[in-house]
Amino acid sequence: MEKKLLSFVHALRHGGLKVSPGELMDALTSIATYGIEDPEQFYILLKATLVKSETDGAIFDLAFRLFFREEAEKPGDLQKPDSSTGFGTSTDGSGTGKAGMGRASRALYEAVTKGHSEDLISMAEKILSGLDMEEDRVDQLLFQLKVKMEWFMVENALERGGEEGQENLQLLKDLEQYIRYRIEKILVEKKGDQGLKDLLTEENLMEKDFAALNEFQVKEMEKRVARLAHQLASRYSYRFKASKSGRVDMRRVLRKAARLGRTPEKLLYRDKVMNKPSMIVLCDISGSVSVYSAFLLQLVYAMSRRFHDLKAFLFVDEIAEITAQIKTNHMREGIGQAITQTRCSRLGISNFGQVFELFNQNFGHILDRKTTVIILGDAKNNWYPPRQEELKLIAQKAKQVYWLNPEPKEKWNQDDSIIGLYGKYCQGVMECRNLDQLEQAVRKIM
């Protein structure tokens, strides 16, 4: 068991969990004390000793399933015996029945609405046996299976089926979860340890490209961004300033004594005050770059109490401020609406030089020596004039400028990328494609 547990911990690290030797010793001690006879207790013991945060629970559960579960578990209603809900008998084309469905979707619809969980599993297993497992990505294989089962037509019918439709939709979601577990098992059986590492690496959200996230991973990533923001927001920096009380400022006292040639009549004091800078964020939302901008804005705005003032702008070839839109809405929804609805593009392709010129003309007055400017963009200027003097002007007015680039470093300064030209006026230019890089960048800036 010790050897298997060591392999298990190694797999967790592939998934991005930081498991220390001390935590591994705690796990071994708990197992030695309570044993492994009770599967549920064994799961709880390992999770309690090896997982430090709620956001790491999904990776732990995936690794635990693959290491210690012999068969794919049946979630939710799939564990219940077959039942009949009586729903789904309509065929009148009203939007809640089977009208217009094909053979596969009719069979799936009947099984879901009548609660025939065993039939659902049999149907899924039959399709699984015919899938080409050369594709080693779970999401792609799951999508192929859904297409063959005509899944989306059934899902659409249930979504329009009222309260009963929502209940049946949950059974369909449970089936999807079961199929995902089965695909994971099949891939590990096929590829062995390498398949296991591939699955866990694929789910390592700390190092996964924001643009490659699926629907479930986006929701999990938002939780992680919120947690990271909470951690970073509590890490304040401080500076000293002159005050009427507090610590004696010996440097100033000695300097005054040297100037006067005698001991000053009054001592000079200093006090520690919290440093809350002003922040301006400029985010490119052209093409796939908007995904990276969304996560940066979520992180920065979740840390808003950390700043004296925070303003956000979106740009493509024009620029628009979205500060008010985010502050007057729920943060995540506000950012999403701003990215999809804000008009900051005339031609639809990036023009950084023009954007910097427009920013200086319309918003240059808000810059001062306490302002930190963060620019997120790939610096692909589509062969337009770079107008680097406009970025230089921003850098001269602001305290510091940092550039976060979602492009891989090996693609910088190739073709129409001019990040090297703009980087001359920045205190730092950092690659920012995933949560790990985003965290490192924000820590450095703050």
Protein backbone atom coordinates (compact mmCIF):
# COMPACT_ATOMS: atom_id res chain seq x y z
CA MET A 1 0.00 0.00 0.00
CA GLU A 2 2.88 2.39 0.74
CA LYS A 3 4.21 1.96 -2.81
CA LYS A 4 0.77 2.56 -4.34
CA LEU A 5 0.23 5.60 -2.15
CA LEU A 6 3.56 7.04 -3.28
CA SER A 7 2.49 6.57 -6.91
CA PHE A 8 -0.84 8.19 -6.06
CA VAL A 9 0.88 11.26 -4.58
CA HIS A 10 3.16 11.45 -7.63
CA ALA A 11 0.05 11.47 -9.83
CA LEU A 12 -1.51 14.24 -7.73
CA ARG A 13 1.57 16.35 -8.34
CA HIS A 14 1.12 15.84 -12.09
CA GLY A 15 -2.35 17.30 -11.58
CA GLY A 16 -0.96 20.41 -9.91
CA LEU A 17 -1.47 19.54 -6.23
CA LYS A 18 1.43 20.46 -3.97
CA VAL A 19 1.75 17.53 -1.57
CA SER A 20 4.55 17.87 0.98
CA PRO A 21 6.46 14.96 2.58
CA GLY A 22 4.82 15.86 5.89
CA GLU A 23 1.34 15.51 4.39
CA LEU A 24 2.30 12.16 2.90
CA MET A 25 3.46 11.00 6.36
CA ASP A 26 0.13 12.16 7.83
CA ALA A 27 -1.70 10.07 5.22
CA LEU A 28 0.39 6.97 6.01
CA THR A 29 -0.14 7.46 9.75
CA SER A 30 -3.91 7.80 9.37
CA ILE A 31 -4.07 4.66 7.23
CA ALA A 32 -1.99 2.73 9.75
CA THR A 33 -4.35 3.88 12.51
CA TYR A 34 -7.74 3.35 10.86
CA GLY A 35 -7.00 0.79 8.15
CA ILE A 36 -8.27 0.57 4.58
CA GLU A 37 -11.18 -1.85 4.98
CA ASP A 38 -13.86 0.85 4.76
CA PRO A 39 -13.62 2.40 1.23
CA GLU A 40 -15.48 5.57 2.18
CA GLN A 41 -13.36 6.13 5.27
CA PHE A 42 -10.21 5.49 3.23
CA TYR A 43 -11.29 8.19 0.75
CA ILE A 44 -12.01 10.68 3.56
CA LEU A 45 -8.67 10.01 5.28
CA LEU A 46 -6.65 10.62 2.12
CA LYS A 47 -8.59 13.72 1.14
CA ALA A 48 -8.33 15.20 4.64
CA THR A 49 -4.55 14.75 4.76
CA LEU A 50 -3.54 15.51 1.16
CA VAL A 51 -5.93 18.24 -0.05
CA LYS A 52 -5.39 21.76 1.24
CA SER A 53 -8.13 23.67 -0.59
CA GLU A 54 -11.60 23.05 -1.96
CA THR A 55 -10.44 23.91 -5.48
CA ASP A 56 -8.08 20.91 -5.47
CA GLY A 57 -10.92 18.49 -4.74
CA ALA A 58 -11.71 17.74 -8.41
CA ILE A 59 -8.13 16.64 -9.19
CA PHE A 60 -8.02 14.48 -6.06
CA ASP A 61 -11.33 12.81 -6.95
CA LEU A 62 -10.12 12.09 -10.49
CA ALA A 63 -6.86 10.50 -9.26
CA PHE A 64 -8.68 8.55 -6.54
CA ARG A 65 -11.18 7.13 -9.05
CA LEU A 66 -8.42 5.98 -11.36
CA PHE A 67 -6.24 4.50 -8.60
CA PHE A 68 -8.66 2.96 -6.14
CA ARG A 69 -12.04 2.44 -7.84
CA GLU A 70 -12.31 -0.82 -9.76
CA GLU A 71 -15.34 0.34 -11.76
CA ALA A 72 -16.71 3.69 -12.79
CA GLU A 73 -19.09 4.87 -10.09
CA LYS A 74 -22.69 5.71 -10.94
CA PRO A 75 -23.49 9.25 -9.80
CA GLY A 76 -26.84 10.52 -8.56
CA ASP A 77 -30.03 9.02 -9.97
CA LEU A 78 -28.18 6.34 -11.94
CA GLN A 79 -27.76 4.46 -8.66
CA LYS A 80 -31.52 4.26 -8.15
CA PRO A 81 -33.57 1.28 -9.41
CA ASP A 82 -35.47 1.79 -12.67
CA SER A 83 -38.64 3.81 -12.32
CA SER A 84 -41.22 5.42 -14.57
CA THR A 85 -41.91 9.13 -14.32
CA GLY A 86 -44.80 9.10 -16.77
CA PHE A 87 -43.33 12.11 -18.52
CA GLY A 88 -42.48 12.29 -22.20
CA THR A 89 -45.53 10.68 -23.80
CA SER A 90 -46.33 13.74 -25.90
CA THR A 91 -45.67 13.48 -29.62
CA ASP A 92 -47.65 16.49 -30.74
CA GLY A 93 -44.64 18.59 -31.63
CA SER A 94 -45.32 21.01 -28.76
CA GLY A 95 -41.65 21.11 -27.79
CA THR A 96 -41.89 18.63 -24.89
CA GLY A 97 -42.20 15.35 -26.79
CA LYS A 98 -40.43 13.21 -29.37
CA ALA A 99 -41.65 14.90 -32.53
CA GLY A 100 -38.83 15.31 -35.04
CA MET A 101 -36.42 13.01 -33.20
CA GLY A 102 -34.39 10.29 -34.86
CA ARG A 103 -34.16 6.67 -33.80
CA ALA A 104 -31.25 7.16 -31.37
CA SER A 105 -32.70 10.28 -29.75
CA ARG A 106 -36.14 8.64 -29.35
CA ALA A 107 -34.57 5.68 -27.54
CA LEU A 108 -32.52 7.99 -25.30
CA TYR A 109 -35.53 10.20 -24.61
CA GLU A 110 -37.72 7.23 -23.65
CA ALA A 111 -35.09 5.81 -21.30
CA VAL A 112 -34.47 9.15 -19.59
CA THR A 113 -38.11 10.15 -19.13
CA LYS A 114 -39.05 6.70 -17.80
CA GLY A 115 -36.07 6.55 -15.46
CA HIS A 116 -34.61 3.38 -16.99
CA SER A 117 -31.07 3.83 -15.70
CA GLU A 118 -29.91 0.34 -16.74
CA ASP A 119 -31.08 0.97 -20.30
CA LEU A 120 -29.23 4.28 -20.34
CA ILE A 121 -25.99 2.61 -19.22
CA SER A 122 -26.41 -0.18 -21.79
CA MET A 123 -26.95 2.34 -24.59
CA ALA A 124 -23.87 4.30 -23.56
CA GLU A 125 -21.71 1.15 -23.27
CA LYS A 126 -22.77 0.02 -26.75
CA ILE A 127 -21.69 3.34 -28.27
CA LEU A 128 -18.48 3.36 -26.21
CA SER A 129 -17.48 -0.04 -27.56
CA GLY A 130 -17.61 1.33 -31.10
CA LEU A 131 -15.65 4.55 -30.50
CA ASP A 132 -12.17 4.97 -31.93
CA MET A 133 -10.03 5.38 -28.82
CA GLU A 134 -7.07 6.71 -30.80
CA GLU A 135 -8.34 10.13 -29.74
CA ASP A 136 -6.98 10.44 -26.19
CA ARG A 137 -8.89 13.52 -25.01
CA VAL A 138 -11.88 12.82 -22.80
CA ASP A 139 -13.88 15.83 -24.00
CA GLN A 140 -13.49 14.89 -27.67
CA LEU A 141 -14.51 11.27 -27.06
CA LEU A 142 -17.49 12.38 -25.00
CA PHE A 143 -18.58 14.73 -27.78
CA GLN A 144 -18.34 11.93 -30.37
CA LEU A 145 -20.51 9.70 -28.19
CA LYS A 146 -23.11 12.45 -27.75
CA VAL A 147 -23.33 12.94 -31.50
CA LYS A 148 -23.93 9.22 -32.08
CA MET A 149 -26.63 9.15 -29.37
CA GLU A 150 -28.28 12.33 -30.76
CA TRP A 151 -27.85 13.66 -27.26
CA PHE A 152 -28.30 17.36 -27.94
CA MET A 153 -31.80 16.96 -29.39
CA VAL A 154 -32.92 15.15 -26.23
CA GLU A 155 -31.22 17.74 -24.02
CA ASN A 156 -33.04 20.53 -25.85
CA ALA A 157 -36.41 18.79 -25.46
CA LEU A 158 -35.90 18.29 -21.71
CA GLU A 159 -34.83 21.90 -21.19
CA ARG A 160 -38.20 23.00 -22.60
CA GLY A 161 -40.15 20.43 -20.60
CA GLY A 162 -40.93 22.45 -17.49
CA GLU A 163 -40.32 21.20 -13.95
CA GLU A 164 -40.51 17.51 -14.89
CA GLY A 165 -38.14 18.14 -17.76
CA GLN A 166 -35.60 19.64 -15.37
CA GLU A 167 -35.79 16.56 -13.15
CA ASN A 168 -35.16 14.30 -16.12
CA LEU A 169 -32.38 16.58 -17.32
CA GLN A 170 -30.53 15.83 -14.08
CA LEU A 171 -30.61 12.11 -14.93
CA LEU A 172 -29.09 12.95 -18.32
CA LYS A 173 -26.32 14.94 -16.59
CA ASP A 174 -25.64 12.00 -14.26
CA LEU A 175 -25.33 9.77 -17.33
CA GLU A 176 -22.84 12.21 -18.84
CA GLN A 177 -20.77 12.09 -15.67
CA TYR A 178 -20.81 8.28 -15.68
CA ILE A 179 -19.70 8.18 -19.34
CA ARG A 180 -16.84 10.57 -18.54
CA TYR A 181 -15.70 8.23 -15.75
CA ARG A 182 -15.88 5.23 -18.10
CA ILE A 183 -13.83 6.99 -20.79
CA GLU A 184 -11.18 7.85 -18.20
CA LYS A 185 -10.99 4.21 -17.12
CA ILE A 186 -10.73 2.97 -20.71
CA LEU A 187 -7.92 5.40 -21.53
CA VAL A 188 -5.92 4.38 -18.45
CA GLU A 189 -6.42 0.68 -19.22
CA LYS A 190 -5.25 1.32 -22.78
CA LYS A 191 -2.22 3.53 -22.10
CA GLY A 192 -1.27 2.56 -18.54
CA ASP A 193 0.76 5.01 -16.46
CA GLN A 194 1.19 7.38 -19.40
CA GLY A 195 -2.57 7.56 -19.85
CA LEU A 196 -2.96 8.36 -16.17
CA LYS A 197 -0.35 11.13 -16.36
CA ASP A 198 -1.97 12.54 -19.50
CA LEU A 199 -5.40 12.72 -17.85
CA LEU A 200 -4.09 14.43 -14.74
CA THR A 201 -1.91 16.83 -16.72
CA GLU A 202 -4.97 17.70 -18.83
CA GLU A 203 -6.85 18.58 -15.64
CA ASN A 204 -3.98 20.59 -14.13
CA LEU A 205 -5.74 23.96 -14.21
CA MET A 206 -2.73 25.83 -12.84
CA GLU A 207 -0.82 25.19 -16.07
CA LYS A 208 -3.64 24.80 -18.58
CA ASP A 209 -4.02 27.47 -21.23
CA PHE A 210 -7.08 29.64 -20.53
CA ALA A 211 -8.14 29.30 -24.18
CA ALA A 212 -8.21 25.47 -23.89
CA LEU A 213 -10.65 25.28 -20.96
CA ASN A 214 -13.91 23.41 -21.40
CA GLU A 215 -17.23 24.48 -19.85
CA PHE A 216 -16.66 22.62 -16.57
CA GLN A 217 -13.07 23.81 -16.27
CA VAL A 218 -14.09 27.44 -16.81
CA LYS A 219 -16.37 27.25 -13.76
CA GLU A 220 -13.62 25.61 -11.71
CA MET A 221 -11.11 28.21 -12.92
CA GLU A 222 -13.39 31.03 -11.79
CA LYS A 223 -13.38 29.52 -8.29
CA ARG A 224 -9.59 29.33 -8.33
CA VAL A 225 -9.27 32.92 -9.56
CA ALA A 226 -11.55 34.08 -6.72
CA ARG A 227 -9.48 32.16 -4.17
CA LEU A 228 -6.22 33.53 -5.57
CA ALA A 229 -7.64 37.06 -5.47
CA HIS A 230 -8.54 36.63 -1.80
CA GLN A 231 -4.99 35.50 -1.01
CA LEU A 232 -3.34 38.32 -2.95
CA ALA A 233 -5.68 40.99 -1.63
CA SER A 234 -4.66 40.17 1.95
CA ARG A 235 -0.94 40.71 1.15
CA TYR A 236 -0.56 44.45 1.56
CA SER A 237 2.70 46.32 1.11
CA TYR A 238 3.63 49.16 3.46
CA ARG A 239 5.73 52.30 3.38
CA PHE A 240 6.92 54.75 6.04
CA LYS A 241 5.91 58.40 6.23
CA ALA A 242 6.62 61.21 8.63
CA SER A 243 4.19 61.48 11.55
CA LYS A 244 3.71 63.16 14.93
CA SER A 245 4.02 59.88 16.80
CA GLY A 246 5.11 56.31 16.28
CA ARG A 247 8.67 55.03 15.82
CA VAL A 248 11.59 57.44 16.13
CA ASP A 249 12.96 58.13 12.66
CA MET A 250 16.66 57.91 13.53
CA ARG A 251 17.82 58.67 10.01
CA ARG A 252 16.00 62.00 9.95
CA VAL A 253 17.04 62.79 13.53
CA LEU A 254 20.75 62.22 12.78
CA ARG A 255 20.47 64.14 9.50
CA LYS A 256 18.95 67.13 11.32
CA ALA A 257 21.53 66.90 14.10
CA ALA A 258 24.36 67.02 11.54
CA ARG A 259 22.78 70.02 9.87
CA LEU A 260 22.25 71.91 13.17
CA GLY A 261 25.53 70.83 14.78
CA ARG A 262 23.68 69.82 17.92
CA THR A 263 20.97 67.50 19.22
CA PRO A 264 17.48 68.53 17.96
CA GLU A 265 15.06 69.76 20.62
CA LYS A 266 12.30 67.46 19.30
CA LEU A 267 12.49 63.92 18.08
CA LEU A 268 11.19 63.09 14.61
CA TYR A 269 8.85 60.15 14.11
CA ARG A 270 7.66 57.93 11.31
CA ASP A 271 4.72 55.58 10.97
CA LYS A 272 3.95 52.63 8.72
CA VAL A 273 1.05 53.21 6.33
CA MET A 274 -0.60 50.82 3.90
CA ASN A 275 0.44 51.25 0.29
CA LYS A 276 -2.65 51.25 -1.97
CA PRO A 277 -1.65 52.12 -5.53
CA SER A 278 -3.87 53.27 -8.37
CA MET A 279 -4.31 50.68 -11.12
CA ILE A 280 -5.25 51.01 -14.79
CA VAL A 281 -5.84 47.85 -16.81
CA LEU A 282 -5.89 47.90 -20.63
CA CYS A 283 -7.20 44.64 -22.13
CA ASP A 284 -7.12 43.54 -25.75
CA ILE A 285 -10.32 41.64 -26.68
CA SER A 286 -9.56 40.82 -30.30
CA GLY A 287 -10.02 37.17 -31.27
CA SER A 288 -9.13 34.55 -28.67
CA VAL A 289 -7.23 37.10 -26.54
CA SER A 290 -10.54 38.09 -24.91
CA VAL A 291 -10.46 34.85 -22.86
CA TYR A 292 -7.24 35.92 -21.16
CA SER A 293 -8.55 39.44 -20.61
CA ALA A 294 -11.66 38.09 -18.89
CA PHE A 295 -9.65 36.15 -16.30
CA LEU A 296 -7.25 39.04 -15.68
CA LEU A 297 -10.17 41.41 -15.09
CA GLN A 298 -11.85 38.93 -12.74
CA LEU A 299 -8.66 38.61 -10.71
CA VAL A 300 -7.93 42.33 -10.54
CA TYR A 301 -11.49 43.34 -9.67
CA ALA A 302 -11.75 40.65 -6.99
CA MET A 303 -8.69 42.37 -5.46
CA SER A 304 -10.22 45.85 -5.77
CA ARG A 305 -9.91 46.63 -2.05
CA ARG A 306 -6.15 46.35 -2.57
CA PHE A 307 -6.13 49.51 -4.73
CA HIS A 308 -6.75 53.17 -4.06
CA ASP A 309 -8.38 53.46 -7.48
CA LEU A 310 -9.01 50.94 -10.26
CA LYS A 311 -10.01 51.64 -13.85
CA ALA A 312 -10.44 49.17 -16.69
CA PHE A 313 -10.42 49.65 -20.46
CA LEU A 314 -11.09 47.34 -23.41
CA PHE A 315 -9.60 47.85 -26.85
CA VAL A 316 -9.16 46.42 -30.34
CA ASP A 317 -8.46 49.33 -32.68
CA GLU A 318 -10.39 51.80 -30.49
CA ILE A 319 -10.62 52.00 -26.69
CA ALA A 320 -13.52 52.22 -24.22
CA GLU A 321 -13.69 52.41 -20.43
CA ILE A 322 -15.77 49.72 -18.69
CA THR A 323 -15.17 50.64 -15.02
CA ALA A 324 -18.77 51.69 -14.40
CA GLN A 325 -20.24 48.60 -16.11
CA ILE A 326 -18.30 46.25 -13.86
CA LYS A 327 -18.99 48.17 -10.66
CA THR A 328 -22.74 48.36 -11.27
CA ASN A 329 -23.14 44.61 -12.05
CA HIS A 330 -22.11 41.34 -10.51
CA MET A 331 -18.40 41.16 -11.33
CA ARG A 332 -18.33 38.04 -13.53
CA GLU A 333 -21.53 38.90 -15.42
CA GLY A 334 -20.44 42.53 -15.73
CA ILE A 335 -17.11 41.57 -17.27
CA GLY A 336 -18.78 39.11 -19.65
CA GLN A 337 -21.30 41.70 -20.80
CA ALA A 338 -18.63 44.35 -21.19
CA ILE A 339 -16.48 42.11 -23.40
CA THR A 340 -19.39 41.11 -25.65
CA GLN A 341 -21.19 44.46 -25.80
CA THR A 342 -18.56 47.20 -25.55
CA ARG A 343 -17.86 48.96 -28.84
CA CYS A 344 -14.12 49.33 -29.16
CA SER A 345 -13.56 48.12 -32.69
CA ARG A 346 -14.09 49.64 -36.09
CA LEU A 347 -12.28 47.16 -38.34
CA GLY A 348 -12.09 44.18 -35.96
CA ILE A 349 -8.29 43.82 -35.95
CA SER A 350 -5.81 45.10 -33.36
CA ASN A 351 -4.06 48.43 -33.78
CA PHE A 352 -2.02 49.02 -30.61
CA GLY A 353 -0.40 52.23 -31.77
CA GLN A 354 -3.75 53.84 -32.50
CA VAL A 355 -5.16 52.63 -29.19
CA PHE A 356 -2.29 54.16 -27.20
CA GLU A 357 -2.75 57.44 -29.06
CA LEU A 358 -6.50 57.47 -28.29
CA PHE A 359 -5.82 56.64 -24.64
CA ASN A 360 -3.41 59.57 -24.30
CA GLN A 361 -5.87 61.93 -25.99
CA ASN A 362 -8.94 60.91 -23.98
CA PHE A 363 -7.65 59.49 -20.69
CA GLY A 364 -4.03 60.63 -20.34
CA HIS A 365 -5.03 63.09 -17.60
CA ILE A 366 -5.81 60.25 -15.14
CA LEU A 367 -2.17 59.07 -15.11
CA ASP A 368 0.16 60.14 -12.30
CA ARG A 369 3.27 58.90 -10.53
CA LYS A 370 1.19 56.64 -8.27
CA THR A 371 -0.43 54.76 -11.16
CA THR A 372 0.49 51.26 -12.27
CA VAL A 373 -0.59 50.39 -15.82
CA ILE A 374 -1.15 46.75 -16.88
CA ILE A 375 -1.54 46.02 -20.58
CA LEU A 376 -2.76 42.60 -21.71
CA GLY A 377 -2.34 41.87 -25.40
CA ASP A 378 -0.37 39.80 -27.90
CA ALA A 379 1.27 42.91 -29.45
CA LYS A 380 0.33 41.71 -32.95
CA ASN A 381 -0.13 45.08 -34.61
CA ASN A 382 -1.26 43.79 -38.04
CA TRP A 383 1.49 45.82 -39.75
CA TYR A 384 0.02 49.17 -38.62
CA PRO A 385 2.42 51.96 -37.53
CA PRO A 386 3.56 51.02 -33.98
CA ARG A 387 3.53 54.62 -32.64
CA GLN A 388 5.76 53.53 -29.76
CA GLU A 389 6.14 57.17 -28.73
CA GLU A 390 2.54 57.01 -27.42
CA LEU A 391 3.41 54.12 -25.07
CA LYS A 392 6.55 56.01 -24.06
CA LEU A 393 4.35 58.96 -23.06
CA ILE A 394 2.18 56.66 -20.93
CA ALA A 395 5.29 55.24 -19.25
CA GLN A 396 6.61 58.75 -18.51
CA LYS A 397 3.39 59.78 -16.77
CA ALA A 398 2.76 56.54 -14.84
CA LYS A 399 4.75 55.00 -12.00
CA GLN A 400 5.26 51.72 -13.88
CA VAL A 401 3.96 49.81 -16.91
CA TYR A 402 3.72 46.01 -17.17
CA TRP A 403 2.79 44.02 -20.25
CA LEU A 404 1.16 40.58 -20.01
CA ASN A 405 1.39 38.62 -23.26
CA PRO A 406 -0.78 35.50 -23.80
CA GLU A 407 1.32 34.42 -26.80
CA PRO A 408 4.00 31.74 -26.21
CA LYS A 409 7.44 33.34 -25.90
CA GLU A 410 8.74 31.52 -28.95
CA LYS A 411 6.23 33.47 -31.08
CA TRP A 412 7.21 36.89 -29.76
CA ASN A 413 8.66 39.33 -32.31
CA GLN A 414 7.71 37.10 -35.23
CA ASP A 415 5.59 38.25 -38.19
CA ASP A 416 3.52 41.23 -37.00
CA SER A 417 4.38 40.82 -33.29
CA ILE A 418 6.28 43.89 -32.03
CA ILE A 419 6.39 43.13 -28.31
CA GLY A 420 10.15 43.83 -28.27
CA LEU A 421 9.52 47.36 -29.52
CA TYR A 422 6.89 48.08 -26.87
CA GLY A 423 8.77 46.22 -24.13
CA LYS A 424 11.44 48.96 -24.03
CA TYR A 425 8.97 51.18 -22.16
CA CYS A 426 7.75 48.56 -19.67
CA GLN A 427 9.15 47.55 -16.28
CA GLY A 428 8.32 43.96 -17.18
CA VAL A 429 6.97 41.87 -20.07
CA MET A 430 5.63 38.49 -18.95
CA GLU A 431 4.02 35.51 -20.63
CA CYS A 432 0.52 35.05 -19.26
CA ARG A 433 -1.35 32.02 -20.63
CA ASN A 434 -2.48 30.16 -17.51
CA LEU A 435 -3.32 30.65 -13.85
CA ASP A 436 0.21 29.88 -12.65
CA GLN A 437 1.70 32.56 -14.91
CA LEU A 438 -1.07 35.01 -14.05
CA GLU A 439 -0.40 34.54 -10.33
CA GLN A 440 3.34 35.05 -10.77
CA ALA A 441 2.77 38.19 -12.84
CA VAL A 442 0.36 39.79 -10.36
CA ARG A 443 2.63 38.96 -7.42
CA LYS A 444 5.53 40.65 -9.20
CA ILE A 445 3.47 43.73 -10.07
CA MET A 446 2.05 44.08 -6.56
